[in-house]
Amino acid sequence: MKNDLYIFNEAHLHEQLKTAPFTKGFYTVYFYTKDGQFAKSKTEHLSEFYLYPSGGTLRDSTFNLVFYDSQFDTYRGFQPPHLRKE
């Protein structure tokens, strides 16, 4: 189950971004959660999260900041998939 895209890690976030909808300045992605936190394995609860590439922040459904990494920050060189020319 380590390849399950809904178990949170940076590689899975990158992979989800390839097909995630981009609206109102953020991508909508999904990860398993347990007690409101990222789960380390598959759970019955799949939660919605929002990645804001203009700051490299991942927020939960109530827009609380849950993760930041400069590799997802457009000001640090991240190129959002919806803007890439293949």
PDB file of N, CA and C in Angstrom:
ATOM      1  N   MET A   1       0.806  -1.206   0.000  1.00  0.00           N
ATOM      2  CA  MET A   1       0.000   0.000   0.000  1.00  0.00           C
ATOM      3  C   MET A   1       0.846   1.266   0.000  1.00  0.00           C
ATOM      4  N   LYS A   2       2.167   1.151  -0.004  1.00  0.00           N
ATOM      5  CA  LYS A   2       3.004   2.344   0.008  1.00  0.00           C
ATOM      6  C   LYS A   2       2.830   3.180  -1.253  1.00  0.00           C
ATOM      7  N   ASN A   3       2.344   2.578  -2.333  1.00  0.00           N
ATOM      8  CA  ASN A   3       2.135   3.310  -3.568  1.00  0.00           C
ATOM      9  C   ASN A   3       0.743   3.912  -3.667  1.00  0.00           C
ATOM     10  N   ASP A   4      -0.034   3.826  -2.605  1.00  0.00           N
ATOM     11  CA  ASP A   4      -1.369   4.400  -2.568  1.00  0.00           C
ATOM     12  C   ASP A   4      -1.236   5.928  -2.553  1.00  0.00           C
ATOM     13  N   LEU A   5      -1.729   6.582  -3.599  1.00  0.00           N
ATOM     14  CA  LEU A   5      -1.564   8.038  -3.737  1.00  0.00           C
ATOM     15  C   LEU A   5      -2.265   8.851  -2.661  1.00  0.00           C
ATOM     16  N   TYR A   6      -3.103   8.197  -1.865  1.00  0.00           N
ATOM     17  CA  TYR A   6      -3.829   8.914  -0.828  1.00  0.00           C
ATOM     18  C   TYR A   6      -3.139   8.854   0.534  1.00  0.00           C
ATOM     19  N   ILE A   7      -2.004   8.186   0.606  1.00  0.00           N
ATOM     20  CA  ILE A   7      -1.170   8.218   1.812  1.00  0.00           C
ATOM     21  C   ILE A   7      -0.206   9.381   1.619  1.00  0.00           C
ATOM     22  N   PHE A   8      -0.236  10.336   2.528  1.00  0.00           N
ATOM     23  CA  PHE A   8       0.493  11.575   2.316  1.00  0.00           C
ATOM     24  C   PHE A   8       2.011  11.408   2.317  1.00  0.00           C
ATOM     25  N   ASN A   9       2.620  11.921   1.258  1.00  0.00           N
ATOM     26  CA  ASN A   9       4.052  12.206   1.189  1.00  0.00           C
ATOM     27  C   ASN A   9       4.234  13.127  -0.014  1.00  0.00           C
ATOM     28  N   GLU A  10       5.398  13.728  -0.135  1.00  0.00           N
ATOM     29  CA  GLU A  10       5.619  14.715  -1.190  1.00  0.00           C
ATOM     30  C   GLU A  10       5.485  14.112  -2.590  1.00  0.00           C
ATOM     31  N   ALA A  11       5.972  12.891  -2.777  1.00  0.00           N
ATOM     32  CA  ALA A  11       5.879  12.250  -4.093  1.00  0.00           C
ATOM     33  C   ALA A  11       4.420  12.034  -4.496  1.00  0.00           C
ATOM     34  N   HIS A  12       3.583  11.619  -3.545  1.00  0.00           N
ATOM     35  CA  HIS A  12       2.169  11.406  -3.843  1.00  0.00           C
ATOM     36  C   HIS A  12       1.467  12.728  -4.119  1.00  0.00           C
ATOM     37  N   LEU A  13       1.881  13.788  -3.435  1.00  0.00           N
ATOM     38  CA  LEU A  13       1.313  15.101  -3.705  1.00  0.00           C
ATOM     39  C   LEU A  13       1.668  15.539  -5.128  1.00  0.00           C
ATOM     40  N   HIS A  14       2.919  15.384  -5.512  1.00  0.00           N
ATOM     41  CA  HIS A  14       3.330  15.715  -6.882  1.00  0.00           C
ATOM     42  C   HIS A  14       2.502  14.918  -7.897  1.00  0.00           C
ATOM     43  N   GLU A  15       2.305  13.640  -7.636  1.00  0.00           N
ATOM     44  CA  GLU A  15       1.571  12.781  -8.565  1.00  0.00           C
ATOM     45  C   GLU A  15       0.107  13.213  -8.674  1.00  0.00           C
ATOM     46  N   GLN A  16      -0.532  13.525  -7.555  1.00  0.00           N
ATOM     47  CA  GLN A  16      -1.923  13.969  -7.591  1.00  0.00           C
ATOM     48  C   GLN A  16      -2.072  15.297  -8.330  1.00  0.00           C
ATOM     49  N   LEU A  17      -1.075  16.162  -8.210  1.00  0.00           N
ATOM     50  CA  LEU A  17      -1.155  17.470  -8.860  1.00  0.00           C
ATOM     51  C   LEU A  17      -1.243  17.376 -10.375  1.00  0.00           C
ATOM     52  N   LYS A  18      -0.761  16.286 -10.939  1.00  0.00           N
ATOM     53  CA  LYS A  18      -0.807  16.112 -12.399  1.00  0.00           C
ATOM     54  C   LYS A  18      -2.230  16.096 -12.940  1.00  0.00           C
ATOM     55  N   THR A  19      -3.186  15.642 -12.118  1.00  0.00           N
ATOM     56  CA  THR A  19      -4.574  15.545 -12.576  1.00  0.00           C
ATOM     57  C   THR A  19      -5.553  16.289 -11.671  1.00  0.00           C
ATOM     58  N   ALA A  20      -5.068  16.921 -10.625  1.00  0.00           N
ATOM     59  CA  ALA A  20      -5.948  17.621  -9.677  1.00  0.00           C
ATOM     60  C   ALA A  20      -6.565  18.854 -10.316  1.00  0.00           C
ATOM     61  N   PRO A  21      -7.831  19.122  -9.995  1.00  0.00           N
ATOM     62  CA  PRO A  21      -8.443  20.344 -10.517  1.00  0.00           C
ATOM     63  C   PRO A  21      -7.793  21.586  -9.895  1.00  0.00           C
ATOM     64  N   PHE A  22      -7.629  22.624 -10.717  1.00  0.00           N
ATOM     65  CA  PHE A  22      -7.068  23.897 -10.245  1.00  0.00           C
ATOM     66  C   PHE A  22      -8.152  24.953 -10.397  1.00  0.00           C
ATOM     67  N   THR A  23      -8.651  25.442  -9.274  1.00  0.00           N
ATOM     68  CA  THR A  23      -9.684  26.474  -9.284  1.00  0.00           C
ATOM     69  C   THR A  23      -9.414  27.478  -8.182  1.00  0.00           C
ATOM     70  N   LYS A  24      -9.714  28.728  -8.460  1.00  0.00           N
ATOM     71  CA  LYS A  24      -9.596  29.810  -7.480  1.00  0.00           C
ATOM     72  C   LYS A  24      -8.210  29.892  -6.848  1.00  0.00           C
ATOM     73  N   GLY A  25      -7.181  29.497  -7.599  1.00  0.00           N
ATOM     74  CA  GLY A  25      -5.811  29.633  -7.120  1.00  0.00           C
ATOM     75  C   GLY A  25      -5.253  28.460  -6.345  1.00  0.00           C
ATOM     76  N   PHE A  26      -5.999  27.351  -6.271  1.00  0.00           N
ATOM     77  CA  PHE A  26      -5.481  26.190  -5.553  1.00  0.00           C
ATOM     78  C   PHE A  26      -5.865  24.893  -6.238  1.00  0.00           C
ATOM     79  N   TYR A  27      -5.082  23.845  -5.926  1.00  0.00           N
ATOM     80  CA  TYR A  27      -5.367  22.486  -6.380  1.00  0.00           C
ATOM     81  C   TYR A  27      -6.115  21.763  -5.274  1.00  0.00           C
ATOM     82  N   THR A  28      -7.063  20.925  -5.652  1.00  0.00           N
ATOM     83  CA  THR A  28      -7.777  20.091  -4.685  1.00  0.00           C
ATOM     84  C   THR A  28      -7.205  18.679  -4.762  1.00  0.00           C
ATOM     85  N   VAL A  29      -6.716  18.186  -3.625  1.00  0.00           N
ATOM     86  CA  VAL A  29      -6.134  16.847  -3.533  1.00  0.00           C
ATOM     87  C   VAL A  29      -6.756  16.128  -2.341  1.00  0.00           C
ATOM     88  N   TYR A  30      -6.504  14.831  -2.246  1.00  0.00           N
ATOM     89  CA  TYR A  30      -7.125  14.018  -1.187  1.00  0.00           C
ATOM     90  C   TYR A  30      -6.092  13.117  -0.527  1.00  0.00           C
ATOM     91  N   PHE A  31      -6.223  12.985   0.803  1.00  0.00           N
ATOM     92  CA  PHE A  31      -5.364  12.084   1.561  1.00  0.00           C
ATOM     93  C   PHE A  31      -6.156  11.425   2.674  1.00  0.00           C
ATOM     94  N   TYR A  32      -5.709  10.224   3.051  1.00  0.00           N
ATOM     95  CA  TYR A  32      -6.313   9.537   4.193  1.00  0.00           C
ATOM     96  C   TYR A  32      -5.977  10.299   5.472  1.00  0.00           C
ATOM     97  N   THR A  33      -6.959  10.367   6.358  1.00  0.00           N
ATOM     98  CA  THR A  33      -6.735  11.009   7.651  1.00  0.00           C
ATOM     99  C   THR A  33      -7.282  10.131   8.772  1.00  0.00           C
ATOM    100  N   LYS A  34      -6.739  10.383   9.937  1.00  0.00           N
ATOM    101  CA  LYS A  34      -7.205   9.730  11.153  1.00  0.00           C
ATOM    102  C   LYS A  34      -7.119  10.771  12.253  1.00  0.00           C
ATOM    103  N   ASP A  35      -8.223  11.004  12.931  1.00  0.00           N
ATOM    104  CA  ASP A  35      -8.293  12.002  13.995  1.00  0.00           C
ATOM    105  C   ASP A  35      -7.824  13.371  13.510  1.00  0.00           C
ATOM    106  N   GLY A  36      -8.166  13.703  12.269  1.00  0.00           N
ATOM    107  CA  GLY A  36      -7.839  15.004  11.714  1.00  0.00           C
ATOM    108  C   GLY A  36      -6.405  15.186  11.244  1.00  0.00           C
ATOM    109  N   GLN A  37      -5.610  14.129  11.301  1.00  0.00           N
ATOM    110  CA  GLN A  37      -4.204  14.190  10.899  1.00  0.00           C
ATOM    111  C   GLN A  37      -3.979  13.247   9.722  1.00  0.00           C
ATOM    112  N   PHE A  38      -2.888  13.478   8.980  1.00  0.00           N
ATOM    113  CA  PHE A  38      -2.534  12.545   7.917  1.00  0.00           C
ATOM    114  C   PHE A  38      -2.354  11.151   8.507  1.00  0.00           C
ATOM    115  N   ALA A  39      -2.910  10.154   7.828  1.00  0.00           N
ATOM    116  CA  ALA A  39      -2.770   8.771   8.276  1.00  0.00           C
ATOM    117  C   ALA A  39      -1.562   8.142   7.589  1.00  0.00           C
ATOM    118  N   LYS A  40      -0.906   7.240   8.281  1.00  0.00           N
ATOM    119  CA  LYS A  40       0.267   6.560   7.736  1.00  0.00           C
ATOM    120  C   LYS A  40      -0.114   5.333   6.915  1.00  0.00           C
ATOM    121  N   SER A  41      -1.395   4.988   6.937  1.00  0.00           N
ATOM    122  CA  SER A  41      -1.896   3.862   6.158  1.00  0.00           C
ATOM    123  C   SER A  41      -3.325   4.168   5.734  1.00  0.00           C
ATOM    124  N   LYS A  42      -3.886   3.296   4.918  1.00  0.00           N
ATOM    125  CA  LYS A  42      -5.243   3.495   4.415  1.00  0.00           C
ATOM    126  C   LYS A  42      -6.242   3.518   5.557  1.00  0.00           C
ATOM    127  N   THR A  43      -7.152   4.483   5.509  1.00  0.00           N
ATOM    128  CA  THR A  43      -8.232   4.556   6.493  1.00  0.00           C
ATOM    129  C   THR A  43      -9.553   4.666   5.743  1.00  0.00           C
ATOM    130  N   GLU A  44     -10.638   4.675   6.482  1.00  0.00           N
ATOM    131  CA  GLU A  44     -11.957   4.826   5.869  1.00  0.00           C
ATOM    132  C   GLU A  44     -12.251   6.278   5.521  1.00  0.00           C
ATOM    133  N   HIS A  45     -11.434   7.197   6.038  1.00  0.00           N
ATOM    134  CA  HIS A  45     -11.720   8.612   5.833  1.00  0.00           C
ATOM    135  C   HIS A  45     -10.728   9.244   4.855  1.00  0.00           C
ATOM    136  N   LEU A  46     -11.235   9.707   3.733  1.00  0.00           N
ATOM    137  CA  LEU A  46     -10.443  10.403   2.729  1.00  0.00           C
ATOM    138  C   LEU A  46     -10.810  11.881   2.816  1.00  0.00           C
ATOM    139  N   SER A  47      -9.848  12.718   3.138  1.00  0.00           N
ATOM    140  CA  SER A  47     -10.108  14.140   3.360  1.00  0.00           C
ATOM    141  C   SER A  47      -9.604  14.990   2.207  1.00  0.00           C
ATOM    142  N   GLU A  48     -10.287  16.104   2.007  1.00  0.00           N
ATOM    143  CA  GLU A  48      -9.942  17.045   0.948  1.00  0.00           C
ATOM    144  C   GLU A  48      -8.947  18.074   1.483  1.00  0.00           C
ATOM    145  N   PHE A  49      -7.933  18.375   0.665  1.00  0.00           N
ATOM    146  CA  PHE A  49      -6.916  19.374   1.011  1.00  0.00           C
ATOM    147  C   PHE A  49      -6.718  20.289  -0.184  1.00  0.00           C
ATOM    148  N   TYR A  50      -6.170  21.464   0.091  1.00  0.00           N
ATOM    149  CA  TYR A  50      -5.967  22.460  -0.953  1.00  0.00           C
ATOM    150  C   TYR A  50      -4.514  22.918  -0.961  1.00  0.00           C
ATOM    151  N   LEU A  51      -3.871  22.768  -2.118  1.00  0.00           N
ATOM    152  CA  LEU A  51      -2.493  23.230  -2.264  1.00  0.00           C
ATOM    153  C   LEU A  51      -2.503  24.574  -2.974  1.00  0.00           C
ATOM    154  N   TYR A  52      -1.927  25.564  -2.304  1.00  0.00           N
ATOM    155  CA  TYR A  52      -1.770  26.901  -2.876  1.00  0.00           C
ATOM    156  C   TYR A  52      -0.340  27.044  -3.366  1.00  0.00           C
ATOM    157  N   PRO A  53      -0.109  26.925  -4.689  1.00  0.00           N
ATOM    158  CA  PRO A  53       1.257  27.000  -5.196  1.00  0.00           C
ATOM    159  C   PRO A  53       1.873  28.387  -5.077  1.00  0.00           C
ATOM    160  N   SER A  54       1.061  29.415  -4.883  1.00  0.00           N
ATOM    161  CA  SER A  54       1.621  30.757  -4.743  1.00  0.00           C
ATOM    162  C   SER A  54       2.241  30.953  -3.368  1.00  0.00           C
ATOM    163  N   GLY A  55       2.296  29.917  -2.578  1.00  0.00           N
ATOM    164  CA  GLY A  55       2.923  29.993  -1.270  1.00  0.00           C
ATOM    165  C   GLY A  55       3.452  28.658  -0.786  1.00  0.00           C
ATOM    166  N   GLY A  56       3.176  27.598  -1.550  1.00  0.00           N
ATOM    167  CA  GLY A  56       3.662  26.272  -1.192  1.00  0.00           C
ATOM    168  C   GLY A  56       2.976  25.682   0.022  1.00  0.00           C
ATOM    169  N   THR A  57       1.734  26.115   0.284  1.00  0.00           N
ATOM    170  CA  THR A  57       1.039  25.650   1.478  1.00  0.00           C
ATOM    171  C   THR A  57      -0.086  24.685   1.135  1.00  0.00           C
ATOM    172  N   LEU A  58      -0.212  23.670   1.968  1.00  0.00           N
ATOM    173  CA  LEU A  58      -1.307  22.720   1.871  1.00  0.00           C
ATOM    174  C   LEU A  58      -2.217  22.990   3.054  1.00  0.00           C
ATOM    175  N   ARG A  59      -3.488  23.179   2.763  1.00  0.00           N
ATOM    176  CA  ARG A  59      -4.468  23.496   3.813  1.00  0.00           C
ATOM    177  C   ARG A  59      -5.569  22.445   3.842  1.00  0.00           C
ATOM    178  N   ASP A  60      -6.151  22.277   5.031  1.00  0.00           N
ATOM    179  CA  ASP A  60      -7.226  21.302   5.170  1.00  0.00           C
ATOM    180  C   ASP A  60      -8.556  21.921   4.741  1.00  0.00           C
ATOM    181  N   SER A  61      -9.639  21.198   4.926  1.00  0.00           N
ATOM    182  CA  SER A  61     -10.948  21.647   4.447  1.00  0.00           C
ATOM    183  C   SER A  61     -11.454  22.908   5.143  1.00  0.00           C
ATOM    184  N   THR A  62     -10.889  23.242   6.282  1.00  0.00           N
ATOM    185  CA  THR A  62     -11.244  24.489   6.967  1.00  0.00           C
ATOM    186  C   THR A  62     -10.148  25.540   6.791  1.00  0.00           C
ATOM    187  N   PHE A  63      -9.251  25.278   5.842  1.00  0.00           N
ATOM    188  CA  PHE A  63      -8.171  26.175   5.427  1.00  0.00           C
ATOM    189  C   PHE A  63      -7.090  26.393   6.481  1.00  0.00           C
ATOM    190  N   ASN A  64      -6.988  25.463   7.426  1.00  0.00           N
ATOM    191  CA  ASN A  64      -5.866  25.493   8.368  1.00  0.00           C
ATOM    192  C   ASN A  64      -4.616  25.009   7.646  1.00  0.00           C
ATOM    193  N   LEU A  65      -3.498  25.658   7.893  1.00  0.00           N
ATOM    194  CA  LEU A  65      -2.227  25.260   7.300  1.00  0.00           C
ATOM    195  C   LEU A  65      -1.778  23.941   7.916  1.00  0.00           C
ATOM    196  N   VAL A  66      -1.546  22.926   7.064  1.00  0.00           N
ATOM    197  CA  VAL A  66      -1.117  21.615   7.570  1.00  0.00           C
ATOM    198  C   VAL A  66       0.257  21.203   7.057  1.00  0.00           C
ATOM    199  N   PHE A  67       0.754  21.898   6.001  1.00  0.00           N
ATOM    200  CA  PHE A  67       2.037  21.501   5.429  1.00  0.00           C
ATOM    201  C   PHE A  67       2.564  22.646   4.575  1.00  0.00           C
ATOM    202  N   TYR A  68       3.879  22.846   4.645  1.00  0.00           N
ATOM    203  CA  TYR A  68       4.555  23.792   3.752  1.00  0.00           C
ATOM    204  C   TYR A  68       5.850  23.147   3.287  1.00  0.00           C
ATOM    205  N   ASP A  69       6.147  23.321   2.011  1.00  0.00           N
ATOM    206  CA  ASP A  69       7.433  22.888   1.475  1.00  0.00           C
ATOM    207  C   ASP A  69       7.746  23.794   0.297  1.00  0.00           C
ATOM    208  N   SER A  70       8.946  24.327   0.278  1.00  0.00           N
ATOM    209  CA  SER A  70       9.330  25.264  -0.778  1.00  0.00           C
ATOM    210  C   SER A  70       9.307  24.627  -2.157  1.00  0.00           C
ATOM    211  N   GLN A  71       9.377  23.293  -2.247  1.00  0.00           N
ATOM    212  CA  GLN A  71       9.325  22.648  -3.555  1.00  0.00           C
ATOM    213  C   GLN A  71       7.965  22.826  -4.232  1.00  0.00           C
ATOM    214  N   PHE A  72       6.944  23.249  -3.478  1.00  0.00           N
ATOM    215  CA  PHE A  72       5.610  23.495  -4.021  1.00  0.00           C
ATOM    216  C   PHE A  72       5.291  24.988  -4.101  1.00  0.00           C
ATOM    217  N   ASP A  73       6.278  25.831  -3.915  1.00  0.00           N
ATOM    218  CA  ASP A  73       6.098  27.284  -3.848  1.00  0.00           C
ATOM    219  C   ASP A  73       6.558  27.928  -5.158  1.00  0.00           C
ATOM    220  N   THR A  74       5.640  28.583  -5.867  1.00  0.00           N
ATOM    221  CA  THR A  74       6.005  29.202  -7.149  1.00  0.00           C
ATOM    222  C   THR A  74       7.064  30.278  -6.974  1.00  0.00           C
ATOM    223  N   TYR A  75       7.124  30.893  -5.816  1.00  0.00           N
ATOM    224  CA  TYR A  75       8.149  31.912  -5.560  1.00  0.00           C
ATOM    225  C   TYR A  75       9.526  31.297  -5.346  1.00  0.00           C
ATOM    226  N   ARG A  76       9.567  29.974  -5.197  1.00  0.00           N
ATOM    227  CA  ARG A  76      10.826  29.242  -5.036  1.00  0.00           C
ATOM    228  C   ARG A  76      11.140  28.377  -6.252  1.00  0.00           C
ATOM    229  N   GLY A  77      10.384  28.567  -7.336  1.00  0.00           N
ATOM    230  CA  GLY A  77      10.685  27.859  -8.574  1.00  0.00           C
ATOM    231  C   GLY A  77       9.717  26.763  -8.981  1.00  0.00           C
ATOM    232  N   PHE A  78       8.712  26.475  -8.159  1.00  0.00           N
ATOM    233  CA  PHE A  78       7.740  25.438  -8.519  1.00  0.00           C
ATOM    234  C   PHE A  78       6.961  25.872  -9.755  1.00  0.00           C
ATOM    235  N   GLN A  79       6.825  24.957 -10.710  1.00  0.00           N
ATOM    236  CA  GLN A  79       6.032  25.217 -11.910  1.00  0.00           C
ATOM    237  C   GLN A  79       4.753  24.389 -11.832  1.00  0.00           C
ATOM    238  N   PRO A  80       3.615  25.037 -11.593  1.00  0.00           N
ATOM    239  CA  PRO A  80       2.353  24.298 -11.486  1.00  0.00           C
ATOM    240  C   PRO A  80       2.055  23.507 -12.759  1.00  0.00           C
ATOM    241  N   PRO A  81       1.605  22.274 -12.604  1.00  0.00           N
ATOM    242  CA  PRO A  81       1.344  21.416 -13.766  1.00  0.00           C
ATOM    243  C   PRO A  81       0.401  22.034 -14.789  1.00  0.00           C
ATOM    244  N   HIS A  82      -0.590  22.777 -14.352  1.00  0.00           N
ATOM    245  CA  HIS A  82      -1.555  23.329 -15.312  1.00  0.00           C
ATOM    246  C   HIS A  82      -0.943  24.442 -16.165  1.00  0.00           C
ATOM    247  N   LEU A  83       0.225  24.936 -15.801  1.00  0.00           N
ATOM    248  CA  LEU A  83       0.902  25.976 -16.569  1.00  0.00           C
ATOM    249  C   LEU A  83       2.083  25.469 -17.396  1.00  0.00           C
ATOM    250  N   ARG A  84       2.444  24.210 -17.195  1.00  0.00           N
ATOM    251  CA  ARG A  84       3.576  23.637 -17.922  1.00  0.00           C
ATOM    252  C   ARG A  84       3.202  23.373 -19.371  1.00  0.00           C
ATOM    253  N   LYS A  85       4.153  23.620 -20.234  1.00  0.00           N
ATOM    254  CA  LYS A  85       3.967  23.306 -21.648  1.00  0.00           C
ATOM    255  C   LYS A  85       4.720  22.027 -21.938  1.00  0.00           C
ATOM    256  N   GLU A  86       3.997  21.004 -22.284  1.00  0.00           N
ATOM    257  CA  GLU A  86       4.602  19.682 -22.548  1.00  0.00           C
ATOM    258  C   GLU A  86       5.000  19.573 -23.983  1.00  0.00           C
TER     259      GLU A  86
END
